[in-house]
Amino acid sequence: MAKHDYDLVVIGGGSGGVRAARMAAKQGARVALAEQSRLGGTCVNVGCVPKKLYAYASHFATSFRQSEGFGWSLSPSPSFEWSRLRDNTAREIERLNGIYRNLLVNAGVELFEAHAFIEGPHLVRIGEHRVSAERILIATGGKPWRPDFPGAERMLDSNRIFSLERLPRRLAIYGGGYIAVEFASIFSGLGVEVTLVYRGELFLRGFDHEVREFVRDEMMRKGVDFRFGHSVARIEASEQGDRVVLDDGAELEVDLVLGATGRRPNFDGLGLENLEVVLGEGGVLEVDDGYRTATPSVLALGDVIGTPELTPVAIAEAMRLVAIHFEHTAPAPIDYQNVATAVFCEPNVATVGLTEEQARERCEAVRIYVTKFRPMLHTLADDPGRCLMKLVVDDGSDKVVGAHMVGHDAGELIQGIAIAVTAGLTKADFDSTIGIHPTSAEEFVTLREATRR
């Protein structure tokens, strides 16, 4: 007779939790998954998927303007209907929720649509049920974090911004991470007057500095108002909506304020107090190489362990976790240094590997290759928007240790470049590759003269 009800109980139905549950079940494990909200986690419901769909919507205004230079006449002028975008996106998310459900059911995972509370190293209360498990996996993801100042409760967080009843005319965004930057671009592209307030001197901390400056200039040209070096002191109700008072006394009259000041691990009502765990910087769970917490039967992955908060990272961790605990193999550790990522602002940002600043710290000598140009798409449209492409090379080994792009579909392009960077290819390998002409992408294999060393 089995010692426990399940071999694995997964708490959290996001990408990492669902993948771990499915793959463990396919190995013959008895698996249950508990999710009190919708399946798919942040990414599907209030993150990557709706954000990318909204980003697509915001790009059409530029595309319509550009089309005139290529002979198209749009008469009468195009119009935008917020409710149609919102409702169509909601239907797509509902469709994806169903796909996740079918994947779990077809894999033999028992699904509990209820809150899970850990009562001990092997015991979980899920709704009205109490079950035991050989292993418990915490995959509860993150939640928006809100700073404490007068009126902070008036800010909407990124979880709620997708379901607005109507499109605001004026929007203030507080924050400087990728969520803040993406929504600034999205709403600006939809015709909203956007002001972004950030306490730092420049947004997208951790990205390549030259990239950050380039994106700032392009977004300013598109009409986004930046208030760098300032914090929000308080938010007050006003006749028009909200009055945002900054630390220097300046006031912004807006219809809505979006708080995008970061995310924290979602441990609400989880029962961590009933376990022996160690919390690291930012409140994340510390785990060993096998994703075990200080309580060996309790595992964790994804946003709750402090690795890059990206869906593909959580999925990769889930696959590796299952390999270790249910396939009993020893897969290589994940290389977090070369995880490609994108910011779906306008223009797009995508990057893989080291920034120039990181390379200068880690390499004895570097070579930097940069090109900034106006893409062919913009020529007939008389669009001044530019593109940036950048390679960071370790001078000693000639390896390309970083690649960065700002421009149309940067994420699509850098995904391919990420293979080369991960494989450790050299600048000579890039140079020996014949480009596809005429494309923006060919610039990555035609950069011959170093911009600086």
Protein backbone atom coordinates (compact mmCIF):
# COMPACT_ATOMS: atom_id res chain seq x y z
CA MET A 1 0.00 0.00 0.00
CA ALA A 2 1.28 3.45 -0.90
CA LYS A 3 2.58 5.49 1.98
CA HIS A 4 1.00 8.73 0.70
CA ASP A 5 -2.05 9.70 -1.32
CA TYR A 6 0.14 11.23 -4.03
CA ASP A 7 3.72 11.12 -5.13
CA LEU A 8 3.56 14.83 -5.94
CA VAL A 9 1.18 17.63 -5.04
CA VAL A 10 1.76 20.77 -7.07
CA ILE A 11 0.51 24.07 -5.66
CA GLY A 12 0.06 26.55 -8.49
CA GLY A 13 -1.29 26.10 -12.01
CA GLY A 14 1.07 28.37 -13.89
CA SER A 15 3.40 27.29 -16.67
CA GLY A 16 5.98 25.77 -14.33
CA GLY A 17 3.51 23.96 -12.11
CA VAL A 18 1.48 22.58 -15.00
CA ARG A 19 4.59 21.35 -16.83
CA ALA A 20 5.97 19.67 -13.70
CA ALA A 21 2.64 17.99 -12.97
CA ARG A 22 2.20 16.71 -16.53
CA MET A 23 5.74 15.41 -16.93
CA ALA A 24 5.76 13.71 -13.51
CA ALA A 25 2.42 12.05 -14.30
CA LYS A 26 3.82 10.80 -17.60
CA GLN A 27 6.56 9.08 -15.60
CA GLY A 28 3.88 7.17 -13.72
CA ALA A 29 3.72 9.37 -10.64
CA ARG A 30 0.42 9.97 -8.86
CA VAL A 31 0.03 13.72 -9.18
CA ALA A 32 -2.46 16.30 -7.95
CA LEU A 33 -2.43 20.01 -8.78
CA ALA A 34 -4.18 22.72 -6.78
CA GLU A 35 -5.09 26.07 -8.34
CA GLN A 36 -7.65 28.41 -6.81
CA SER A 37 -7.74 30.76 -9.78
CA ARG A 38 -7.47 30.24 -13.53
CA LEU A 39 -4.98 27.83 -15.05
CA GLY A 40 -2.01 29.24 -16.88
CA GLY A 41 -0.76 31.49 -14.12
CA THR A 42 0.40 35.07 -14.55
CA CYS A 43 1.66 34.53 -18.09
CA VAL A 44 -1.59 33.35 -19.64
CA ASN A 45 -4.05 35.36 -17.57
CA VAL A 46 -2.50 38.71 -16.63
CA GLY A 47 0.98 38.66 -18.14
CA CYS A 48 2.73 37.62 -21.33
CA VAL A 49 -0.28 36.61 -23.40
CA PRO A 50 -2.68 39.54 -22.89
CA LYS A 51 0.24 41.96 -22.78
CA LYS A 52 1.53 40.78 -26.18
CA LEU A 53 -1.97 40.92 -27.67
CA TYR A 54 -2.39 44.48 -26.37
CA ALA A 55 1.05 45.36 -27.71
CA TYR A 56 0.02 44.11 -31.15
CA ALA A 57 -3.07 46.30 -30.95
CA SER A 58 -1.03 49.37 -30.05
CA HIS A 59 1.30 48.91 -33.05
CA PHE A 60 -1.46 49.25 -35.61
CA ALA A 61 -1.65 53.02 -35.26
CA THR A 62 1.96 53.28 -36.45
CA SER A 63 1.36 50.70 -39.17
CA PHE A 64 -1.64 52.65 -40.48
CA ARG A 65 0.46 55.82 -40.68
CA GLN A 66 3.33 54.01 -42.38
CA SER A 67 1.03 52.43 -44.96
CA GLU A 68 0.31 55.80 -46.57
CA GLY A 69 3.92 56.04 -47.73
CA PHE A 70 3.46 52.71 -49.50
CA GLY A 71 0.43 53.86 -51.45
CA TRP A 72 -2.42 52.98 -49.12
CA SER A 73 -5.19 55.44 -48.37
CA LEU A 74 -7.15 54.93 -45.16
CA SER A 75 -10.36 56.86 -45.47
CA PRO A 76 -12.21 57.42 -43.29
CA SER A 77 -9.53 57.38 -40.59
CA PRO A 78 -9.16 54.10 -38.63
CA SER A 79 -10.90 54.00 -35.26
CA PHE A 80 -10.16 51.95 -32.16
CA GLU A 81 -12.65 50.24 -29.83
CA TRP A 82 -11.19 49.33 -26.44
CA SER A 83 -14.01 47.00 -25.44
CA ARG A 84 -13.52 44.85 -28.52
CA LEU A 85 -9.81 44.38 -27.79
CA ARG A 86 -10.53 43.67 -24.11
CA ASP A 87 -13.32 41.15 -24.77
CA ASN A 88 -11.52 39.37 -27.62
CA THR A 89 -8.46 39.00 -25.40
CA ALA A 90 -10.59 37.61 -22.57
CA ARG A 91 -12.03 34.99 -24.92
CA GLU A 92 -8.55 33.97 -26.04
CA ILE A 93 -7.42 33.59 -22.43
CA GLU A 94 -10.48 31.44 -21.70
CA ARG A 95 -9.54 29.24 -24.66
CA LEU A 96 -6.00 28.85 -23.31
CA ASN A 97 -7.35 28.02 -19.84
CA GLY A 98 -9.23 25.13 -21.43
CA ILE A 99 -6.11 23.90 -23.19
CA TYR A 100 -4.19 23.82 -19.91
CA ARG A 101 -7.03 21.92 -18.27
CA ASN A 102 -7.09 19.32 -21.04
CA LEU A 103 -3.33 18.88 -20.87
CA LEU A 104 -3.53 18.09 -17.16
CA VAL A 105 -6.56 15.80 -17.39
CA ASN A 106 -5.15 13.90 -20.37
CA ALA A 107 -1.89 13.37 -18.50
CA GLY A 108 -3.78 11.82 -15.57
CA VAL A 109 -3.27 14.69 -13.12
CA GLU A 110 -6.03 15.15 -10.54
CA LEU A 111 -7.05 18.80 -10.57
CA PHE A 112 -8.29 20.59 -7.45
CA GLU A 113 -9.78 24.02 -8.05
CA ALA A 114 -9.29 25.25 -4.52
CA HIS A 115 -6.85 26.99 -2.20
CA ALA A 116 -3.99 24.84 -0.89
CA PHE A 117 -2.51 25.21 2.58
CA ILE A 118 0.59 23.29 3.64
CA GLU A 119 0.13 21.79 7.10
CA GLY A 120 3.41 19.89 7.25
CA PRO A 121 6.28 18.41 5.20
CA HIS A 122 3.94 15.85 3.61
CA LEU A 123 0.47 17.20 4.36
CA VAL A 124 -1.65 19.65 2.35
CA ARG A 125 -5.19 20.84 2.91
CA ILE A 126 -6.84 21.63 -0.43
CA GLY A 127 -10.22 23.20 0.08
CA GLU A 128 -12.15 20.66 2.16
CA HIS A 129 -9.69 17.84 1.42
CA ARG A 130 -6.61 16.86 3.38
CA VAL A 131 -4.07 14.88 1.37
CA SER A 132 -0.58 13.55 1.93
CA ALA A 133 2.25 13.62 -0.59
CA GLU A 134 5.75 12.25 -0.90
CA ARG A 135 6.75 15.61 -2.37
CA ILE A 136 5.07 19.02 -2.43
CA LEU A 137 5.97 21.51 -5.13
CA ILE A 138 5.48 25.23 -4.52
CA ALA A 139 4.89 26.93 -7.89
CA THR A 140 2.72 29.82 -6.82
CA GLY A 141 4.47 32.51 -8.85
CA GLY A 142 4.50 36.19 -8.00
CA LYS A 143 2.07 38.99 -7.23
CA PRO A 144 2.28 42.76 -7.73
CA TRP A 145 3.96 44.69 -4.93
CA ARG A 146 2.69 48.13 -3.94
CA PRO A 147 4.74 50.72 -2.02
CA ASP A 148 3.30 52.39 1.05
CA PHE A 149 2.39 56.06 0.67
CA PRO A 150 -0.85 58.06 1.09
CA GLY A 151 -3.34 57.07 -1.59
CA ALA A 152 -1.31 54.11 -2.86
CA GLU A 153 -4.48 52.01 -2.76
CA ARG A 154 -5.82 54.10 -5.65
CA MET A 155 -3.26 52.59 -8.01
CA LEU A 156 -4.33 49.72 -10.23
CA ASP A 157 -1.84 46.91 -10.53
CA SER A 158 -0.90 45.10 -13.73
CA ASN A 159 -3.29 42.24 -12.88
CA ARG A 160 -6.29 44.55 -13.27
CA ILE A 161 -5.23 46.85 -16.09
CA PHE A 162 -6.44 44.47 -18.82
CA SER A 163 -10.08 44.59 -17.75
CA LEU A 164 -10.71 48.34 -17.64
CA GLU A 165 -14.27 49.34 -18.45
CA ARG A 166 -13.03 52.15 -20.69
CA LEU A 167 -9.76 53.43 -22.10
CA PRO A 168 -8.37 56.31 -20.01
CA ARG A 169 -7.46 59.58 -21.70
CA ARG A 170 -4.53 60.26 -19.35
CA LEU A 171 -2.52 57.59 -17.55
CA ALA A 172 0.29 57.85 -15.00
CA ILE A 173 2.53 54.82 -14.55
CA TYR A 174 4.71 54.45 -11.46
CA GLY A 175 7.70 52.18 -11.98
CA GLY A 176 10.65 51.58 -14.27
CA GLY A 177 10.77 47.84 -14.95
CA TYR A 178 9.71 46.03 -18.07
CA ILE A 179 6.02 45.98 -17.02
CA ALA A 180 5.96 49.76 -16.61
CA VAL A 181 7.78 50.36 -19.89
CA GLU A 182 5.60 47.94 -21.84
CA PHE A 183 2.34 49.46 -20.61
CA ALA A 184 3.65 52.96 -21.27
CA SER A 185 4.17 51.96 -24.90
CA ILE A 186 0.90 50.05 -25.18
CA PHE A 187 -1.31 52.84 -23.90
CA SER A 188 0.62 55.55 -25.73
CA GLY A 189 0.17 53.58 -28.94
CA LEU A 190 -3.58 53.40 -28.27
CA GLY A 191 -3.73 57.18 -28.07
CA VAL A 192 -3.53 57.67 -24.31
CA GLU A 193 -1.52 60.55 -22.84
CA VAL A 194 1.09 58.65 -20.77
CA THR A 195 3.44 59.91 -18.05
CA LEU A 196 5.90 57.46 -16.50
CA VAL A 197 7.33 58.30 -13.07
CA TYR A 198 10.45 56.46 -11.90
CA ARG A 199 12.76 57.15 -9.00
CA GLY A 200 15.89 56.12 -10.93
CA GLU A 201 17.75 58.13 -13.54
CA LEU A 202 16.81 55.66 -16.28
CA PHE A 203 14.39 52.75 -16.59
CA LEU A 204 15.03 49.03 -17.36
CA ARG A 205 17.71 48.59 -14.70
CA GLY A 206 19.92 45.62 -15.49
CA PHE A 207 19.67 46.04 -19.26
CA ASP A 208 22.54 47.38 -21.36
CA HIS A 209 22.91 51.11 -20.67
CA GLU A 210 23.18 52.11 -24.32
CA VAL A 211 20.01 50.13 -25.04
CA ARG A 212 18.19 51.88 -22.20
CA GLU A 213 19.15 55.32 -23.49
CA PHE A 214 18.13 54.42 -27.03
CA VAL A 215 14.72 53.14 -25.94
CA ARG A 216 14.13 56.23 -23.82
CA ASP A 217 14.82 58.51 -26.78
CA GLU A 218 12.58 56.51 -29.13
CA MET A 219 9.70 56.40 -26.64
CA MET A 220 10.01 60.12 -25.96
CA ARG A 221 9.84 60.75 -29.69
CA LYS A 222 6.59 58.76 -29.73
CA GLY A 223 5.13 61.02 -27.07
CA VAL A 224 5.69 59.30 -23.69
CA ASP A 225 6.46 61.80 -20.92
CA PHE A 226 9.15 60.62 -18.49
CA ARG A 227 9.67 61.94 -14.96
CA PHE A 228 12.93 60.26 -14.00
CA GLY A 229 14.52 60.82 -10.60
CA HIS A 230 11.16 61.28 -8.88
CA SER A 231 8.92 59.30 -6.56
CA VAL A 232 5.19 59.54 -5.94
CA ALA A 233 4.56 61.26 -2.61
CA ARG A 234 0.79 60.75 -2.59
CA ILE A 235 -2.25 60.19 -4.78
CA GLU A 236 -5.47 62.08 -4.17
CA ALA A 237 -8.92 61.85 -5.67
CA SER A 238 -9.76 64.73 -7.97
CA GLU A 239 -12.74 65.78 -10.06
CA GLN A 240 -11.10 64.33 -13.16
CA GLY A 241 -9.88 61.13 -11.55
CA ASP A 242 -6.56 61.15 -9.69
CA ARG A 243 -4.08 63.82 -8.70
CA VAL A 244 -0.54 62.41 -8.46
CA VAL A 245 1.77 64.52 -6.31
CA LEU A 246 5.49 63.91 -6.84
CA ASP A 247 8.27 64.32 -4.29
CA ASP A 248 9.20 67.74 -5.72
CA GLY A 249 5.63 69.00 -5.41
CA ALA A 250 4.77 68.66 -9.09
CA GLU A 251 1.22 67.46 -9.76
CA LEU A 252 -0.22 65.27 -12.50
CA GLU A 253 -3.95 65.23 -13.24
CA VAL A 254 -4.82 61.84 -14.72
CA ASP A 255 -7.77 59.50 -15.14
CA LEU A 256 -5.90 56.46 -13.80
CA VAL A 257 -2.66 55.44 -12.10
CA LEU A 258 -0.96 52.12 -12.84
CA GLY A 259 1.41 50.85 -10.17
CA ALA A 260 4.21 48.78 -11.70
CA THR A 261 6.72 48.84 -8.87
CA GLY A 262 7.72 45.19 -8.93
CA ARG A 263 6.49 41.76 -7.92
CA ARG A 264 7.05 39.53 -4.91
CA PRO A 265 6.64 35.77 -4.37
CA ASN A 266 3.02 34.83 -3.74
CA PHE A 267 3.02 32.99 -0.42
CA ASP A 268 -0.32 34.32 0.84
CA GLY A 269 -2.05 31.72 3.02
CA LEU A 270 0.37 29.02 1.89
CA GLY A 271 1.45 27.78 5.32
CA LEU A 272 5.20 28.33 5.09
CA GLU A 273 5.17 28.79 8.86
CA ASN A 274 4.55 25.05 9.14
CA LEU A 275 7.78 24.24 7.34
CA GLU A 276 11.47 24.74 7.83
CA VAL A 277 12.40 27.07 4.96
CA VAL A 278 14.97 29.77 4.34
CA LEU A 279 13.97 33.01 2.66
CA GLY A 280 16.61 34.90 0.70
CA GLU A 281 16.83 38.43 -0.62
CA GLY A 282 13.47 39.68 -1.87
CA GLY A 283 11.64 37.03 0.14
CA VAL A 284 12.36 34.17 -2.28
CA LEU A 285 12.72 30.56 -1.17
CA GLU A 286 16.26 29.27 -1.09
CA VAL A 287 16.59 25.87 -2.78
CA ASP A 288 19.42 23.47 -3.56
CA ASP A 289 20.43 22.18 -6.97
CA GLY A 290 17.49 19.76 -6.88
CA TYR A 291 14.95 22.53 -6.09
CA ARG A 292 14.60 21.29 -2.50
CA THR A 293 13.88 23.82 0.22
CA ALA A 294 15.27 23.40 3.74
CA THR A 295 12.42 20.87 4.13
CA PRO A 296 13.63 18.22 1.63
CA SER A 297 10.15 16.97 0.74
CA VAL A 298 9.07 20.47 -0.27
CA LEU A 299 10.30 21.68 -3.66
CA ALA A 300 9.98 25.06 -5.35
CA LEU A 301 10.55 26.59 -8.77
CA GLY A 302 9.86 29.65 -10.88
CA ASP A 303 9.32 33.16 -9.59
CA VAL A 304 9.34 32.03 -5.95
CA ILE A 305 13.04 31.02 -6.04
CA GLY A 306 14.52 34.21 -7.47
CA THR A 307 15.54 32.98 -10.92
CA PRO A 308 14.61 35.13 -13.96
CA GLU A 309 10.86 35.74 -13.85
CA LEU A 310 10.20 34.33 -17.29
CA THR A 311 7.80 31.60 -18.40
CA PRO A 312 10.42 29.60 -20.35
CA VAL A 313 12.67 29.62 -17.28
CA ALA A 314 9.93 28.14 -15.08
CA ILE A 315 9.22 25.49 -17.73
CA ALA A 316 12.92 24.60 -18.02
CA GLU A 317 13.13 24.30 -14.23
CA ALA A 318 10.05 22.07 -14.21
CA MET A 319 11.59 19.73 -16.78
CA ARG A 320 14.83 19.56 -14.84
CA LEU A 321 13.00 19.00 -11.53
CA VAL A 322 11.05 16.07 -12.96
CA ALA A 323 14.22 14.61 -14.44
CA ILE A 324 15.93 14.72 -11.04
CA HIS A 325 13.08 13.45 -8.86
CA PHE A 326 11.06 11.17 -11.14
CA GLU A 327 13.44 10.10 -13.92
CA HIS A 328 16.40 9.90 -11.51
CA THR A 329 18.83 11.47 -13.96
CA ALA A 330 21.31 14.28 -13.44
CA PRO A 331 20.65 16.97 -16.04
CA ALA A 332 23.10 19.85 -16.37
CA PRO A 333 22.27 23.02 -14.45
CA ILE A 334 20.40 25.74 -16.33
CA ASP A 335 22.61 28.48 -17.74
CA TYR A 336 20.82 31.56 -16.46
CA GLN A 337 23.45 33.91 -17.90
CA ASN A 338 22.34 33.28 -21.47
CA VAL A 339 18.59 33.45 -21.01
CA ALA A 340 17.21 35.61 -23.81
CA THR A 341 14.49 38.07 -22.94
CA ALA A 342 12.39 40.76 -24.60
CA VAL A 343 10.54 43.90 -23.61
CA PHE A 344 7.49 44.38 -25.84
CA CYS A 345 7.53 48.15 -25.86
CA GLU A 346 7.65 50.14 -29.09
CA PRO A 347 10.25 49.71 -30.41
CA ASN A 348 10.82 46.19 -29.06
CA VAL A 349 13.88 45.40 -26.95
CA ALA A 350 15.52 41.98 -26.94
CA THR A 351 18.74 40.81 -25.39
CA VAL A 352 20.82 37.74 -24.62
CA GLY A 353 24.02 37.31 -22.65
CA LEU A 354 26.11 40.05 -21.09
CA THR A 355 25.57 43.77 -21.24
CA GLU A 356 28.55 45.92 -22.17
CA GLU A 357 28.90 46.90 -18.51
CA GLN A 358 28.91 43.28 -17.32
CA ALA A 359 31.40 42.24 -20.00
CA ARG A 360 33.82 45.00 -19.00
CA GLU A 361 33.73 43.67 -15.44
CA ARG A 362 34.17 40.00 -16.37
CA CYS A 363 36.45 40.06 -19.41
CA GLU A 364 40.03 41.37 -19.60
CA ALA A 365 39.21 43.18 -22.82
CA VAL A 366 36.10 43.60 -24.95
CA ARG A 367 35.15 44.74 -28.42
CA ILE A 368 31.82 46.47 -28.94
CA TYR A 369 30.03 46.56 -32.28
CA VAL A 370 27.05 48.90 -32.63
CA THR A 371 24.90 50.03 -35.52
CA LYS A 372 21.97 52.45 -35.42
CA PHE A 373 19.94 52.94 -38.55
CA ARG A 374 16.52 53.63 -40.00
CA PRO A 375 14.93 50.33 -41.16
CA MET A 376 13.73 50.00 -44.76
CA LEU A 377 10.11 49.87 -43.54
CA HIS A 378 10.46 53.44 -42.33
CA THR A 379 11.90 54.98 -45.50
CA LEU A 380 8.87 55.45 -47.74
CA ALA A 381 6.76 56.16 -44.68
CA ASP A 382 9.09 59.03 -43.73
CA ASP A 383 9.21 57.57 -40.22
CA PRO A 384 12.25 58.81 -38.23
CA GLY A 385 12.22 55.76 -35.95
CA ARG A 386 15.55 53.95 -35.72
CA CYS A 387 16.85 50.50 -34.87
CA LEU A 388 19.84 49.53 -32.74
CA MET A 389 21.88 46.34 -32.94
CA LYS A 390 24.83 45.56 -30.72
CA LEU A 391 27.33 42.74 -30.23
CA VAL A 392 29.54 42.41 -27.16
CA VAL A 393 32.68 40.35 -27.81
CA ASP A 394 35.26 38.95 -25.39
CA ASP A 395 38.46 40.10 -27.09
CA GLY A 396 40.56 37.25 -25.71
CA SER A 397 38.41 34.35 -26.93
CA ASP A 398 36.58 36.22 -29.75
CA LYS A 399 33.32 34.80 -28.35
CA VAL A 400 30.16 36.82 -28.73
CA VAL A 401 29.08 37.09 -25.10
CA GLY A 402 26.15 39.47 -25.59
CA ALA A 403 23.71 40.52 -28.29
CA HIS A 404 21.18 43.34 -28.00
CA MET A 405 18.57 44.82 -30.30
CA VAL A 406 16.00 47.59 -30.25
CA GLY A 407 13.65 47.49 -33.20
CA HIS A 408 10.72 45.83 -34.90
CA ASP A 409 10.26 42.17 -33.87
CA ALA A 410 13.49 42.23 -31.86
CA GLY A 411 12.32 39.27 -29.79
CA GLU A 412 11.78 37.13 -32.87
CA LEU A 413 15.26 37.93 -34.16
CA ILE A 414 17.23 37.60 -30.91
CA GLN A 415 15.74 34.14 -30.29
CA GLY A 416 17.88 32.86 -33.16
CA ILE A 417 20.93 34.85 -32.08
CA ALA A 418 20.52 33.35 -28.60
CA ILE A 419 21.36 29.93 -30.01
CA ALA A 420 24.67 31.26 -31.28
CA VAL A 421 25.53 33.01 -28.02
CA THR A 422 24.57 29.95 -25.95
CA ALA A 423 26.69 27.74 -28.22
CA GLY A 424 29.69 30.00 -27.64
CA LEU A 425 30.14 31.03 -31.26
CA THR A 426 32.81 33.60 -32.06
CA LYS A 427 32.71 36.89 -33.89
CA ALA A 428 34.56 35.10 -36.70
CA ASP A 429 31.63 32.65 -36.91
CA PHE A 430 29.24 35.59 -37.22
CA ASP A 431 31.46 37.18 -39.88
CA SER A 432 31.58 33.98 -41.93
CA THR A 433 27.78 33.77 -42.03
CA ILE A 434 26.22 35.21 -45.18
CA GLY A 435 23.35 37.54 -44.44
CA ILE A 436 19.84 37.62 -45.87
CA HIS A 437 19.38 40.78 -47.91
CA PRO A 438 17.59 43.11 -47.53
CA THR A 439 16.80 42.53 -43.85
CA SER A 440 17.65 44.30 -40.63
CA ALA A 441 18.89 40.98 -39.27
CA GLU A 442 21.83 40.87 -41.70
CA GLU A 443 23.43 43.68 -39.71
CA PHE A 444 24.38 41.14 -37.06
CA VAL A 445 26.66 39.34 -39.54
CA THR A 446 28.00 42.39 -41.36
CA LEU A 447 29.38 44.35 -38.40
CA ARG A 448 33.11 44.46 -39.24
CA GLU A 449 34.58 47.51 -37.52
CA ALA A 450 34.54 47.67 -33.74
CA THR A 451 32.72 50.76 -32.45
CA ARG A 452 34.90 50.84 -29.33
CA ARG A 453 37.19 48.65 -27.29
